[in-house]
Amino acid sequence: MKIDDVIQTSLLYDFYGSLLTDRQREVMELYYGENLSLSEIAAEFSISRQGVHDALKNAGRALHEYEQKLGLVDKFQQSREAIGDIDERIEGLMEDVQKQEALVPAEVTAELQKIKDIIDKLEE
């Protein structure tokens, strides 16, 4: 499993983990949180490695289905990007003011409108 897949699965688990069955949640926590191997988890639950693998696969599929239906992780990531963009724009305005560069009111208004547009996208 690629590192990006692990990160994505962990993020999905953070958002939707409480919707999984108790067993799926326990297996996910041991595998991703405690970094136990399939064999170690199998011994913990007295099941086969294949049983652990299937539980992880089913849990992962369920998490992806929740995201497909609800889109909370996607919305969260869009919000983080928008907040970063807003932060950069505000930082730029602050630097201009600190340098005492004369900003024409129209430029300030245009920049504030861009910030407002970013915020409006978050509310969609």
PDB file of N, CA and C in Angstrom:
ATOM      1  N   MET A   1       0.851  -1.180   0.000  1.00  0.00           N
ATOM      2  CA  MET A   1       0.000   0.000   0.000  1.00  0.00           C
ATOM      3  C   MET A   1       0.895   1.242   0.000  1.00  0.00           C
ATOM      4  N   LYS A   2       0.604   2.190  -0.875  1.00  0.00           N
ATOM      5  CA  LYS A   2       1.378   3.411  -0.986  1.00  0.00           C
ATOM      6  C   LYS A   2       1.104   4.315   0.210  1.00  0.00           C
ATOM      7  N   ILE A   3       2.048   5.197   0.493  1.00  0.00           N
ATOM      8  CA  ILE A   3       1.912   6.110   1.625  1.00  0.00           C
ATOM      9  C   ILE A   3       0.693   7.015   1.443  1.00  0.00           C
ATOM     10  N   ASP A   4       0.424   7.443   0.207  1.00  0.00           N
ATOM     11  CA  ASP A   4      -0.750   8.290  -0.055  1.00  0.00           C
ATOM     12  C   ASP A   4      -2.042   7.537   0.266  1.00  0.00           C
ATOM     13  N   ASP A   5      -2.057   6.237  -0.031  1.00  0.00           N
ATOM     14  CA  ASP A   5      -3.239   5.419   0.267  1.00  0.00           C
ATOM     15  C   ASP A   5      -3.439   5.299   1.771  1.00  0.00           C
ATOM     16  N   VAL A   6      -2.334   5.140   2.499  1.00  0.00           N
ATOM     17  CA  VAL A   6      -2.412   5.037   3.959  1.00  0.00           C
ATOM     18  C   VAL A   6      -2.926   6.352   4.542  1.00  0.00           C
ATOM     19  N   ILE A   7      -2.414   7.460   4.047  1.00  0.00           N
ATOM     20  CA  ILE A   7      -2.851   8.773   4.530  1.00  0.00           C
ATOM     21  C   ILE A   7      -4.328   8.978   4.221  1.00  0.00           C
ATOM     22  N   GLN A   8      -4.740   8.641   3.005  1.00  0.00           N
ATOM     23  CA  GLN A   8      -6.147   8.800   2.617  1.00  0.00           C
ATOM     24  C   GLN A   8      -7.049   7.914   3.475  1.00  0.00           C
ATOM     25  N   THR A   9      -6.646   6.673   3.687  1.00  0.00           N
ATOM     26  CA  THR A   9      -7.435   5.759   4.503  1.00  0.00           C
ATOM     27  C   THR A   9      -7.525   6.267   5.937  1.00  0.00           C
ATOM     28  N   SER A  10      -6.420   6.775   6.461  1.00  0.00           N
ATOM     29  CA  SER A  10      -6.428   7.320   7.824  1.00  0.00           C
ATOM     30  C   SER A  10      -7.353   8.525   7.928  1.00  0.00           C
ATOM     31  N   LEU A  11      -7.335   9.366   6.914  1.00  0.00           N
ATOM     32  CA  LEU A  11      -8.214  10.536   6.903  1.00  0.00           C
ATOM     33  C   LEU A  11      -9.678  10.102   6.829  1.00  0.00           C
ATOM     34  N   LEU A  12      -9.971   9.141   5.964  1.00  0.00           N
ATOM     35  CA  LEU A  12     -11.335   8.617   5.874  1.00  0.00           C
ATOM     36  C   LEU A  12     -11.756   8.013   7.209  1.00  0.00           C
ATOM     37  N   TYR A  13     -10.829   7.304   7.857  1.00  0.00           N
ATOM     38  CA  TYR A  13     -11.131   6.690   9.145  1.00  0.00           C
ATOM     39  C   TYR A  13     -11.428   7.768  10.199  1.00  0.00           C
ATOM     40  N   ASP A  14     -10.662   8.855  10.177  1.00  0.00           N
ATOM     41  CA  ASP A  14     -10.915   9.944  11.123  1.00  0.00           C
ATOM     42  C   ASP A  14     -12.329  10.504  10.972  1.00  0.00           C
ATOM     43  N   PHE A  15     -12.792  10.590   9.740  1.00  0.00           N
ATOM     44  CA  PHE A  15     -14.119  11.152   9.491  1.00  0.00           C
ATOM     45  C   PHE A  15     -15.246  10.140   9.701  1.00  0.00           C
ATOM     46  N   TYR A  16     -15.027   8.914   9.253  1.00  0.00           N
ATOM     47  CA  TYR A  16     -16.123   7.952   9.207  1.00  0.00           C
ATOM     48  C   TYR A  16     -15.919   6.706  10.065  1.00  0.00           C
ATOM     49  N   GLY A  17     -14.836   6.636  10.805  1.00  0.00           N
ATOM     50  CA  GLY A  17     -14.527   5.442  11.582  1.00  0.00           C
ATOM     51  C   GLY A  17     -15.633   5.012  12.520  1.00  0.00           C
ATOM     52  N   SER A  18     -16.332   5.964  13.092  1.00  0.00           N
ATOM     53  CA  SER A  18     -17.402   5.619  14.032  1.00  0.00           C
ATOM     54  C   SER A  18     -18.587   4.932  13.350  1.00  0.00           C
ATOM     55  N   LEU A  19     -18.634   4.960  12.025  1.00  0.00           N
ATOM     56  CA  LEU A  19     -19.708   4.296  11.292  1.00  0.00           C
ATOM     57  C   LEU A  19     -19.398   2.831  10.995  1.00  0.00           C
ATOM     58  N   LEU A  20     -18.159   2.432  11.232  1.00  0.00           N
ATOM     59  CA  LEU A  20     -17.764   1.042  10.998  1.00  0.00           C
ATOM     60  C   LEU A  20     -18.253   0.153  12.136  1.00  0.00           C
ATOM     61  N   THR A  21     -18.231  -1.147  11.890  1.00  0.00           N
ATOM     62  CA  THR A  21     -18.567  -2.085  12.959  1.00  0.00           C
ATOM     63  C   THR A  21     -17.442  -2.052  13.995  1.00  0.00           C
ATOM     64  N   ASP A  22     -17.744  -2.557  15.190  1.00  0.00           N
ATOM     65  CA  ASP A  22     -16.729  -2.584  16.241  1.00  0.00           C
ATOM     66  C   ASP A  22     -15.495  -3.356  15.790  1.00  0.00           C
ATOM     67  N   ARG A  23     -15.698  -4.500  15.164  1.00  0.00           N
ATOM     68  CA  ARG A  23     -14.581  -5.332  14.716  1.00  0.00           C
ATOM     69  C   ARG A  23     -13.744  -4.596  13.669  1.00  0.00           C
ATOM     70  N   GLN A  24     -14.419  -3.987  12.687  1.00  0.00           N
ATOM     71  CA  GLN A  24     -13.689  -3.251  11.657  1.00  0.00           C
ATOM     72  C   GLN A  24     -12.877  -2.119  12.283  1.00  0.00           C
ATOM     73  N   ARG A  25     -13.476  -1.427  13.218  1.00  0.00           N
ATOM     74  CA  ARG A  25     -12.803  -0.318  13.890  1.00  0.00           C
ATOM     75  C   ARG A  25     -11.568  -0.816  14.653  1.00  0.00           C
ATOM     76  N   GLU A  26     -11.730  -1.903  15.386  1.00  0.00           N
ATOM     77  CA  GLU A  26     -10.612  -2.460  16.155  1.00  0.00           C
ATOM     78  C   GLU A  26      -9.469  -2.890  15.236  1.00  0.00           C
ATOM     79  N   VAL A  27      -9.819  -3.574  14.144  1.00  0.00           N
ATOM     80  CA  VAL A  27      -8.800  -4.039  13.203  1.00  0.00           C
ATOM     81  C   VAL A  27      -8.095  -2.845  12.559  1.00  0.00           C
ATOM     82  N   MET A  28      -8.841  -1.846  12.158  1.00  0.00           N
ATOM     83  CA  MET A  28      -8.250  -0.646  11.554  1.00  0.00           C
ATOM     84  C   MET A  28      -7.309   0.040  12.544  1.00  0.00           C
ATOM     85  N   GLU A  29      -7.724   0.174  13.791  1.00  0.00           N
ATOM     86  CA  GLU A  29      -6.891   0.834  14.794  1.00  0.00           C
ATOM     87  C   GLU A  29      -5.597   0.063  15.041  1.00  0.00           C
ATOM     88  N   LEU A  30      -5.694  -1.255  15.088  1.00  0.00           N
ATOM     89  CA  LEU A  30      -4.490  -2.056  15.312  1.00  0.00           C
ATOM     90  C   LEU A  30      -3.549  -2.003  14.109  1.00  0.00           C
ATOM     91  N   TYR A  31      -4.122  -2.047  12.920  1.00  0.00           N
ATOM     92  CA  TYR A  31      -3.294  -2.079  11.709  1.00  0.00           C
ATOM     93  C   TYR A  31      -2.691  -0.710  11.410  1.00  0.00           C
ATOM     94  N   TYR A  32      -3.530   0.321  11.387  1.00  0.00           N
ATOM     95  CA  TYR A  32      -3.047   1.655  11.019  1.00  0.00           C
ATOM     96  C   TYR A  32      -2.528   2.443  12.219  1.00  0.00           C
ATOM     97  N   GLY A  33      -3.191   2.310  13.353  1.00  0.00           N
ATOM     98  CA  GLY A  33      -2.798   3.085  14.525  1.00  0.00           C
ATOM     99  C   GLY A  33      -1.643   2.481  15.297  1.00  0.00           C
ATOM    100  N   GLU A  34      -1.721   1.173  15.533  1.00  0.00           N
ATOM    101  CA  GLU A  34      -0.697   0.487  16.320  1.00  0.00           C
ATOM    102  C   GLU A  34       0.390  -0.132  15.444  1.00  0.00           C
ATOM    103  N   ASN A  35       0.157  -0.131  14.128  1.00  0.00           N
ATOM    104  CA  ASN A  35       1.116  -0.667  13.159  1.00  0.00           C
ATOM    105  C   ASN A  35       1.409  -2.156  13.376  1.00  0.00           C
ATOM    106  N   LEU A  36       0.387  -2.898  13.789  1.00  0.00           N
ATOM    107  CA  LEU A  36       0.547  -4.337  13.955  1.00  0.00           C
ATOM    108  C   LEU A  36       0.431  -5.022  12.591  1.00  0.00           C
ATOM    109  N   SER A  37       1.072  -6.153  12.461  1.00  0.00           N
ATOM    110  CA  SER A  37       1.002  -6.926  11.218  1.00  0.00           C
ATOM    111  C   SER A  37      -0.315  -7.700  11.170  1.00  0.00           C
ATOM    112  N   LEU A  38      -0.617  -8.219   9.986  1.00  0.00           N
ATOM    113  CA  LEU A  38      -1.817  -9.044   9.840  1.00  0.00           C
ATOM    114  C   LEU A  38      -1.746 -10.251  10.771  1.00  0.00           C
ATOM    115  N   SER A  39      -0.570 -10.854  10.889  1.00  0.00           N
ATOM    116  CA  SER A  39      -0.400 -12.017  11.767  1.00  0.00           C
ATOM    117  C   SER A  39      -0.640 -11.669  13.228  1.00  0.00           C
ATOM    118  N   GLU A  40      -0.143 -10.522  13.658  1.00  0.00           N
ATOM    119  CA  GLU A  40      -0.323 -10.098  15.052  1.00  0.00           C
ATOM    120  C   GLU A  40      -1.800  -9.832  15.354  1.00  0.00           C
ATOM    121  N   ILE A  41      -2.462  -9.210  14.410  1.00  0.00           N
ATOM    122  CA  ILE A  41      -3.890  -8.928  14.603  1.00  0.00           C
ATOM    123  C   ILE A  41      -4.685 -10.237  14.579  1.00  0.00           C
ATOM    124  N   ALA A  42      -4.315 -11.133  13.671  1.00  0.00           N
ATOM    125  CA  ALA A  42      -4.988 -12.436  13.582  1.00  0.00           C
ATOM    126  C   ALA A  42      -4.869 -13.176  14.910  1.00  0.00           C
ATOM    127  N   ALA A  43      -3.693 -13.143  15.511  1.00  0.00           N
ATOM    128  CA  ALA A  43      -3.494 -13.800  16.806  1.00  0.00           C
ATOM    129  C   ALA A  43      -4.330 -13.136  17.892  1.00  0.00           C
ATOM    130  N   GLU A  44      -4.447 -11.833  17.832  1.00  0.00           N
ATOM    131  CA  GLU A  44      -5.231 -11.066  18.818  1.00  0.00           C
ATOM    132  C   GLU A  44      -6.700 -11.472  18.797  1.00  0.00           C
ATOM    133  N   PHE A  45      -7.237 -11.707  17.602  1.00  0.00           N
ATOM    134  CA  PHE A  45      -8.661 -12.035  17.465  1.00  0.00           C
ATOM    135  C   PHE A  45      -8.929 -13.516  17.238  1.00  0.00           C
ATOM    136  N   SER A  46      -7.868 -14.302  17.209  1.00  0.00           N
ATOM    137  CA  SER A  46      -7.990 -15.747  16.947  1.00  0.00           C
ATOM    138  C   SER A  46      -8.706 -16.015  15.619  1.00  0.00           C
ATOM    139  N   ILE A  47      -8.264 -15.288  14.601  1.00  0.00           N
ATOM    140  CA  ILE A  47      -8.781 -15.494  13.244  1.00  0.00           C
ATOM    141  C   ILE A  47      -7.589 -15.640  12.304  1.00  0.00           C
ATOM    142  N   SER A  48      -7.849 -15.953  11.060  1.00  0.00           N
ATOM    143  CA  SER A  48      -6.761 -16.114  10.093  1.00  0.00           C
ATOM    144  C   SER A  48      -6.266 -14.749   9.597  1.00  0.00           C
ATOM    145  N   ARG A  49      -5.076 -14.770   9.002  1.00  0.00           N
ATOM    146  CA  ARG A  49      -4.549 -13.544   8.387  1.00  0.00           C
ATOM    147  C   ARG A  49      -5.501 -13.083   7.280  1.00  0.00           C
ATOM    148  N   GLN A  50      -6.070 -14.057   6.550  1.00  0.00           N
ATOM    149  CA  GLN A  50      -7.016 -13.726   5.484  1.00  0.00           C
ATOM    150  C   GLN A  50      -8.247 -13.027   6.060  1.00  0.00           C
ATOM    151  N   GLY A  51      -8.673 -13.477   7.236  1.00  0.00           N
ATOM    152  CA  GLY A  51      -9.813 -12.832   7.893  1.00  0.00           C
ATOM    153  C   GLY A  51      -9.515 -11.381   8.241  1.00  0.00           C
ATOM    154  N   VAL A  52      -8.304 -11.130   8.693  1.00  0.00           N
ATOM    155  CA  VAL A  52      -7.887  -9.752   8.997  1.00  0.00           C
ATOM    156  C   VAL A  52      -7.832  -8.945   7.710  1.00  0.00           C
ATOM    157  N   HIS A  53      -7.234  -9.540   6.687  1.00  0.00           N
ATOM    158  CA  HIS A  53      -7.142  -8.855   5.393  1.00  0.00           C
ATOM    159  C   HIS A  53      -8.530  -8.487   4.869  1.00  0.00           C
ATOM    160  N   ASP A  54      -9.455  -9.429   4.954  1.00  0.00           N
ATOM    161  CA  ASP A  54     -10.825  -9.176   4.491  1.00  0.00           C
ATOM    162  C   ASP A  54     -11.498  -8.081   5.302  1.00  0.00           C
ATOM    163  N   ALA A  55     -11.283  -8.100   6.623  1.00  0.00           N
ATOM    164  CA  ALA A  55     -11.875  -7.066   7.481  1.00  0.00           C
ATOM    165  C   ALA A  55     -11.335  -5.690   7.112  1.00  0.00           C
ATOM    166  N   LEU A  56     -10.030  -5.603   6.853  1.00  0.00           N
ATOM    167  CA  LEU A  56      -9.427  -4.325   6.443  1.00  0.00           C
ATOM    168  C   LEU A  56      -9.964  -3.876   5.085  1.00  0.00           C
ATOM    169  N   LYS A  57     -10.073  -4.819   4.171  1.00  0.00           N
ATOM    170  CA  LYS A  57     -10.565  -4.503   2.831  1.00  0.00           C
ATOM    171  C   LYS A  57     -12.027  -4.023   2.882  1.00  0.00           C
ATOM    172  N   ASN A  58     -12.843  -4.723   3.654  1.00  0.00           N
ATOM    173  CA  ASN A  58     -14.254  -4.339   3.787  1.00  0.00           C
ATOM    174  C   ASN A  58     -14.401  -2.985   4.478  1.00  0.00           C
ATOM    175  N   ALA A  59     -13.586  -2.753   5.487  1.00  0.00           N
ATOM    176  CA  ALA A  59     -13.630  -1.468   6.188  1.00  0.00           C
ATOM    177  C   ALA A  59     -13.214  -0.346   5.246  1.00  0.00           C
ATOM    178  N   GLY A  60     -12.155  -0.580   4.480  1.00  0.00           N
ATOM    179  CA  GLY A  60     -11.693   0.424   3.516  1.00  0.00           C
ATOM    180  C   GLY A  60     -12.748   0.729   2.470  1.00  0.00           C
ATOM    181  N   ARG A  61     -13.401  -0.320   1.986  1.00  0.00           N
ATOM    182  CA  ARG A  61     -14.464  -0.140   0.995  1.00  0.00           C
ATOM    183  C   ARG A  61     -15.620   0.669   1.598  1.00  0.00           C
ATOM    184  N   ALA A  62     -15.976   0.360   2.830  1.00  0.00           N
ATOM    185  CA  ALA A  62     -17.061   1.091   3.498  1.00  0.00           C
ATOM    186  C   ALA A  62     -16.692   2.564   3.664  1.00  0.00           C
ATOM    187  N   LEU A  63     -15.452   2.841   4.066  1.00  0.00           N
ATOM    188  CA  LEU A  63     -15.013   4.229   4.240  1.00  0.00           C
ATOM    189  C   LEU A  63     -15.094   4.994   2.923  1.00  0.00           C
ATOM    190  N   HIS A  64     -14.669   4.358   1.836  1.00  0.00           N
ATOM    191  CA  HIS A  64     -14.734   5.011   0.519  1.00  0.00           C
ATOM    192  C   HIS A  64     -16.183   5.230   0.079  1.00  0.00           C
ATOM    193  N   GLU A  65     -17.060   4.303   0.400  1.00  0.00           N
ATOM    194  CA  GLU A  65     -18.475   4.483   0.063  1.00  0.00           C
ATOM    195  C   GLU A  65     -19.084   5.633   0.850  1.00  0.00           C
ATOM    196  N   TYR A  66     -18.724   5.757   2.122  1.00  0.00           N
ATOM    197  CA  TYR A  66     -19.219   6.884   2.922  1.00  0.00           C
ATOM    198  C   TYR A  66     -18.750   8.204   2.324  1.00  0.00           C
ATOM    199  N   GLU A  67     -17.498   8.241   1.921  1.00  0.00           N
ATOM    200  CA  GLU A  67     -16.971   9.468   1.334  1.00  0.00           C
ATOM    201  C   GLU A  67     -17.656   9.778   0.009  1.00  0.00           C
ATOM    202  N   GLN A  68     -17.913   8.741  -0.768  1.00  0.00           N
ATOM    203  CA  GLN A  68     -18.585   8.944  -2.056  1.00  0.00           C
ATOM    204  C   GLN A  68     -19.974   9.540  -1.849  1.00  0.00           C
ATOM    205  N   LYS A  69     -20.660   9.080  -0.812  1.00  0.00           N
ATOM    206  CA  LYS A  69     -22.016   9.557  -0.547  1.00  0.00           C
ATOM    207  C   LYS A  69     -22.050  10.899   0.176  1.00  0.00           C
ATOM    208  N   LEU A  70     -21.134  11.103   1.118  1.00  0.00           N
ATOM    209  CA  LEU A  70     -21.190  12.292   1.967  1.00  0.00           C
ATOM    210  C   LEU A  70     -20.195  13.386   1.583  1.00  0.00           C
ATOM    211  N   GLY A  71     -19.055  12.998   1.071  1.00  0.00           N
ATOM    212  CA  GLY A  71     -18.068  13.968   0.593  1.00  0.00           C
ATOM    213  C   GLY A  71     -17.441  14.860   1.652  1.00  0.00           C
ATOM    214  N   LEU A  72     -17.414  14.422   2.897  1.00  0.00           N
ATOM    215  CA  LEU A  72     -16.891  15.268   3.968  1.00  0.00           C
ATOM    216  C   LEU A  72     -15.382  15.492   3.872  1.00  0.00           C
ATOM    217  N   VAL A  73     -14.646  14.482   3.492  1.00  0.00           N
ATOM    218  CA  VAL A  73     -13.194  14.626   3.389  1.00  0.00           C
ATOM    219  C   VAL A  73     -12.847  15.570   2.248  1.00  0.00           C
ATOM    220  N   ASP A  74     -13.533  15.428   1.129  1.00  0.00           N
ATOM    221  CA  ASP A  74     -13.296  16.310  -0.013  1.00  0.00           C
ATOM    222  C   ASP A  74     -13.598  17.755   0.367  1.00  0.00           C
ATOM    223  N   LYS A  75     -14.703  17.970   1.038  1.00  0.00           N
ATOM    224  CA  LYS A  75     -15.069  19.323   1.469  1.00  0.00           C
ATOM    225  C   LYS A  75     -14.028  19.866   2.453  1.00  0.00           C
ATOM    226  N   PHE A  76     -13.548  19.021   3.345  1.00  0.00           N
ATOM    227  CA  PHE A  76     -12.521  19.416   4.304  1.00  0.00           C
ATOM    228  C   PHE A  76     -11.247  19.837   3.578  1.00  0.00           C
ATOM    229  N   GLN A  77     -10.830  19.044   2.591  1.00  0.00           N
ATOM    230  CA  GLN A  77      -9.616  19.368   1.848  1.00  0.00           C
ATOM    231  C   GLN A  77      -9.775  20.656   1.047  1.00  0.00           C
ATOM    232  N   GLN A  78     -10.943  20.861   0.464  1.00  0.00           N
ATOM    233  CA  GLN A  78     -11.204  22.114  -0.249  1.00  0.00           C
ATOM    234  C   GLN A  78     -11.161  23.300   0.702  1.00  0.00           C
ATOM    235  N   SER A  79     -11.696  23.112   1.884  1.00  0.00           N
ATOM    236  CA  SER A  79     -11.684  24.178   2.893  1.00  0.00           C
ATOM    237  C   SER A  79     -10.260  24.522   3.311  1.00  0.00           C
ATOM    238  N   ARG A  80      -9.441  23.501   3.511  1.00  0.00           N
ATOM    239  CA  ARG A  80      -8.043  23.743   3.892  1.00  0.00           C
ATOM    240  C   ARG A  80      -7.308  24.509   2.800  1.00  0.00           C
ATOM    241  N   GLU A  81      -7.539  24.145   1.542  1.00  0.00           N
ATOM    242  CA  GLU A  81      -6.900  24.853   0.427  1.00  0.00           C
ATOM    243  C   GLU A  81      -7.375  26.301   0.375  1.00  0.00           C
ATOM    244  N   ALA A  82      -8.667  26.507   0.561  1.00  0.00           N
ATOM    245  CA  ALA A  82      -9.221  27.858   0.520  1.00  0.00           C
ATOM    246  C   ALA A  82      -8.670  28.702   1.663  1.00  0.00           C
ATOM    247  N   ILE A  83      -8.567  28.123   2.830  1.00  0.00           N
ATOM    248  CA  ILE A  83      -8.030  28.852   3.980  1.00  0.00           C
ATOM    249  C   ILE A  83      -6.571  29.228   3.728  1.00  0.00           C
ATOM    250  N   GLY A  84      -5.818  28.321   3.118  1.00  0.00           N
ATOM    251  CA  GLY A  84      -4.435  28.625   2.769  1.00  0.00           C
ATOM    252  C   GLY A  84      -4.349  29.770   1.780  1.00  0.00           C
ATOM    253  N   ASP A  85      -5.244  29.763   0.801  1.00  0.00           N
ATOM    254  CA  ASP A  85      -5.294  30.841  -0.196  1.00  0.00           C
ATOM    255  C   ASP A  85      -5.659  32.165   0.471  1.00  0.00           C
ATOM    256  N   ILE A  86      -6.645  32.146   1.341  1.00  0.00           N
ATOM    257  CA  ILE A  86      -7.049  33.349   2.065  1.00  0.00           C
ATOM    258  C   ILE A  86      -5.882  33.879   2.892  1.00  0.00           C
ATOM    259  N   ASP A  87      -5.203  32.972   3.592  1.00  0.00           N
ATOM    260  CA  ASP A  87      -4.073  33.362   4.425  1.00  0.00           C
ATOM    261  C   ASP A  87      -2.985  34.039   3.598  1.00  0.00           C
ATOM    262  N   GLU A  88      -2.676  33.482   2.418  1.00  0.00           N
ATOM    263  CA  GLU A  88      -1.660  34.079   1.547  1.00  0.00           C
ATOM    264  C   GLU A  88      -2.073  35.478   1.096  1.00  0.00           C
ATOM    265  N   ARG A  89      -3.327  35.630   0.748  1.00  0.00           N
ATOM    266  CA  ARG A  89      -3.797  36.935   0.282  1.00  0.00           C
ATOM    267  C   ARG A  89      -3.758  37.980   1.403  1.00  0.00           C
ATOM    268  N   ILE A  90      -4.172  37.583   2.568  1.00  0.00           N
ATOM    269  CA  ILE A  90      -4.137  38.506   3.705  1.00  0.00           C
ATOM    270  C   ILE A  90      -2.691  38.873   4.033  1.00  0.00           C
ATOM    271  N   GLU A  91      -1.820  37.866   4.006  1.00  0.00           N
ATOM    272  CA  GLU A  91      -0.395  38.102   4.264  1.00  0.00           C
ATOM    273  C   GLU A  91       0.165  39.106   3.261  1.00  0.00           C
ATOM    274  N   GLY A  92      -0.209  38.944   1.991  1.00  0.00           N
ATOM    275  CA  GLY A  92       0.251  39.885   0.967  1.00  0.00           C
ATOM    276  C   GLY A  92      -0.233  41.297   1.227  1.00  0.00           C
ATOM    277  N   LEU A  93      -1.488  41.433   1.620  1.00  0.00           N
ATOM    278  CA  LEU A  93      -2.014  42.758   1.939  1.00  0.00           C
ATOM    279  C   LEU A  93      -1.272  43.364   3.127  1.00  0.00           C
ATOM    280  N   MET A  94      -1.001  42.550   4.124  1.00  0.00           N
ATOM    281  CA  MET A  94      -0.302  43.038   5.306  1.00  0.00           C
ATOM    282  C   MET A  94       1.122  43.477   4.968  1.00  0.00           C
ATOM    283  N   GLU A  95       1.805  42.705   4.114  1.00  0.00           N
ATOM    284  CA  GLU A  95       3.155  43.081   3.698  1.00  0.00           C
ATOM    285  C   GLU A  95       3.140  44.406   2.954  1.00  0.00           C
ATOM    286  N   ASP A  96       2.164  44.582   2.075  1.00  0.00           N
ATOM    287  CA  ASP A  96       2.056  45.839   1.332  1.00  0.00           C
ATOM    288  C   ASP A  96       1.837  47.010   2.279  1.00  0.00           C
ATOM    289  N   VAL A  97       0.993  46.815   3.263  1.00  0.00           N
ATOM    290  CA  VAL A  97       0.723  47.887   4.227  1.00  0.00           C
ATOM    291  C   VAL A  97       1.976  48.179   5.049  1.00  0.00           C
ATOM    292  N   GLN A  98       2.686  47.117   5.474  1.00  0.00           N
ATOM    293  CA  GLN A  98       3.904  47.308   6.267  1.00  0.00           C
ATOM    294  C   GLN A  98       4.990  48.013   5.476  1.00  0.00           C
ATOM    295  N   LYS A  99       5.056  47.761   4.190  1.00  0.00           N
ATOM    296  CA  LYS A  99       6.040  48.434   3.334  1.00  0.00           C
ATOM    297  C   LYS A  99       5.596  49.866   3.036  1.00  0.00           C
ATOM    298  N   GLN A 100       4.405  50.163   3.457  1.00  0.00           N
ATOM    299  CA  GLN A 100       3.782  51.469   3.233  1.00  0.00           C
ATOM    300  C   GLN A 100       3.672  51.784   1.751  1.00  0.00           C
ATOM    301  N   GLU A 101       3.420  50.717   1.004  1.00  0.00           N
ATOM    302  CA  GLU A 101       3.162  50.932  -0.402  1.00  0.00           C
ATOM    303  C   GLU A 101       1.753  51.468  -0.530  1.00  0.00           C
ATOM    304  N   ALA A 102       1.618  52.447  -1.349  1.00  0.00           N
ATOM    305  CA  ALA A 102       0.302  53.041  -1.531  1.00  0.00           C
ATOM    306  C   ALA A 102      -0.563  52.092  -2.348  1.00  0.00           C
ATOM    307  N   LEU A 103      -1.588  51.569  -1.705  1.00  0.00           N
ATOM    308  CA  LEU A 103      -2.533  50.728  -2.411  1.00  0.00           C
ATOM    309  C   LEU A 103      -3.732  51.584  -2.780  1.00  0.00           C
ATOM    310  N   VAL A 104      -4.070  51.529  -4.001  1.00  0.00           N
ATOM    311  CA  VAL A 104      -5.226  52.265  -4.458  1.00  0.00           C
ATOM    312  C   VAL A 104      -6.456  51.559  -3.897  1.00  0.00           C
ATOM    313  N   PRO A 105      -7.463  52.293  -3.415  1.00  0.00           N
ATOM    314  CA  PRO A 105      -8.650  51.644  -2.852  1.00  0.00           C
ATOM    315  C   PRO A 105      -9.250  50.579  -3.763  1.00  0.00           C
ATOM    316  N   ALA A 106      -9.191  50.755  -5.057  1.00  0.00           N
ATOM    317  CA  ALA A 106      -9.744  49.762  -5.981  1.00  0.00           C
ATOM    318  C   ALA A 106      -8.968  48.444  -5.880  1.00  0.00           C
ATOM    319  N   GLU A 107      -7.655  48.522  -5.684  1.00  0.00           N
ATOM    320  CA  GLU A 107      -6.853  47.312  -5.548  1.00  0.00           C
ATOM    321  C   GLU A 107      -7.205  46.578  -4.255  1.00  0.00           C
ATOM    322  N   VAL A 108      -7.389  47.347  -3.196  1.00  0.00           N
ATOM    323  CA  VAL A 108      -7.763  46.741  -1.918  1.00  0.00           C
ATOM    324  C   VAL A 108      -9.139  46.103  -2.039  1.00  0.00           C
ATOM    325  N   THR A 109     -10.060  46.815  -2.637  1.00  0.00           N
ATOM    326  CA  THR A 109     -11.414  46.299  -2.824  1.00  0.00           C
ATOM    327  C   THR A 109     -11.397  45.025  -3.664  1.00  0.00           C
ATOM    328  N   ALA A 110     -10.605  45.005  -4.723  1.00  0.00           N
ATOM    329  CA  ALA A 110     -10.516  43.825  -5.586  1.00  0.00           C
ATOM    330  C   ALA A 110      -9.949  42.635  -4.818  1.00  0.00           C
ATOM    331  N   GLU A 111      -8.933  42.883  -4.010  1.00  0.00           N
ATOM    332  CA  GLU A 111      -8.330  41.795  -3.240  1.00  0.00           C
ATOM    333  C   GLU A 111      -9.301  41.280  -2.188  1.00  0.00           C
ATOM    334  N   LEU A 112     -10.021  42.157  -1.531  1.00  0.00           N
ATOM    335  CA  LEU A 112     -11.018  41.741  -0.556  1.00  0.00           C
ATOM    336  C   LEU A 112     -12.149  40.968  -1.232  1.00  0.00           C
ATOM    337  N   GLN A 113     -12.509  41.357  -2.448  1.00  0.00           N
ATOM    338  CA  GLN A 113     -13.537  40.623  -3.187  1.00  0.00           C
ATOM    339  C   GLN A 113     -13.070  39.208  -3.503  1.00  0.00           C
ATOM    340  N   LYS A 114     -11.794  39.054  -3.847  1.00  0.00           N
ATOM    341  CA  LYS A 114     -11.248  37.718  -4.101  1.00  0.00           C
ATOM    342  C   LYS A 114     -11.330  36.857  -2.838  1.00  0.00           C
ATOM    343  N   ILE A 115     -11.007  37.460  -1.700  1.00  0.00           N
ATOM    344  CA  ILE A 115     -11.092  36.744  -0.432  1.00  0.00           C
ATOM    345  C   ILE A 115     -12.536  36.351  -0.151  1.00  0.00           C
ATOM    346  N   LYS A 116     -13.471  37.261  -0.378  1.00  0.00           N
ATOM    347  CA  LYS A 116     -14.887  36.968  -0.169  1.00  0.00           C
ATOM    348  C   LYS A 116     -15.349  35.840  -1.094  1.00  0.00           C
ATOM    349  N   ASP A 117     -14.886  35.845  -2.337  1.00  0.00           N
ATOM    350  CA  ASP A 117     -15.251  34.783  -3.282  1.00  0.00           C
ATOM    351  C   ASP A 117     -14.758  33.416  -2.800  1.00  0.00           C
ATOM    352  N   ILE A 118     -13.580  33.381  -2.238  1.00  0.00           N
ATOM    353  CA  ILE A 118     -13.037  32.129  -1.704  1.00  0.00           C
ATOM    354  C   ILE A 118     -13.909  31.642  -0.544  1.00  0.00           C
ATOM    355  N   ILE A 119     -14.270  32.556   0.325  1.00  0.00           N
ATOM    356  CA  ILE A 119     -15.121  32.194   1.468  1.00  0.00           C
ATOM    357  C   ILE A 119     -16.492  31.708   0.986  1.00  0.00           C
ATOM    358  N   ASP A 120     -17.031  32.376  -0.025  1.00  0.00           N
ATOM    359  CA  ASP A 120     -18.334  31.964  -0.565  1.00  0.00           C
ATOM    360  C   ASP A 120     -18.282  30.551  -1.122  1.00  0.00           C
ATOM    361  N   LYS A 121     -17.169  30.162  -1.728  1.00  0.00           N
ATOM    362  CA  LYS A 121     -17.020  28.810  -2.238  1.00  0.00           C
ATOM    363  C   LYS A 121     -17.114  27.777  -1.116  1.00  0.00           C
ATOM    364  N   LEU A 122     -16.603  28.150   0.052  1.00  0.00           N
ATOM    365  CA  LEU A 122     -16.653  27.232   1.207  1.00  0.00           C
ATOM    366  C   LEU A 122     -18.087  26.979   1.646  1.00  0.00           C
ATOM    367  N   GLU A 123     -18.943  27.945   1.433  1.00  0.00           N
ATOM    368  CA  GLU A 123     -20.318  27.838   1.895  1.00  0.00           C
ATOM    369  C   GLU A 123     -21.213  27.087   0.926  1.00  0.00           C
ATOM    370  N   GLU A 124     -20.729  26.766  -0.262  1.00  0.00           N
ATOM    371  CA  GLU A 124     -21.534  26.049  -1.269  1.00  0.00           C
ATOM    372  C   GLU A 124     -21.825  24.640  -0.833  1.00  0.00           C
TER     373      GLU A 124
END
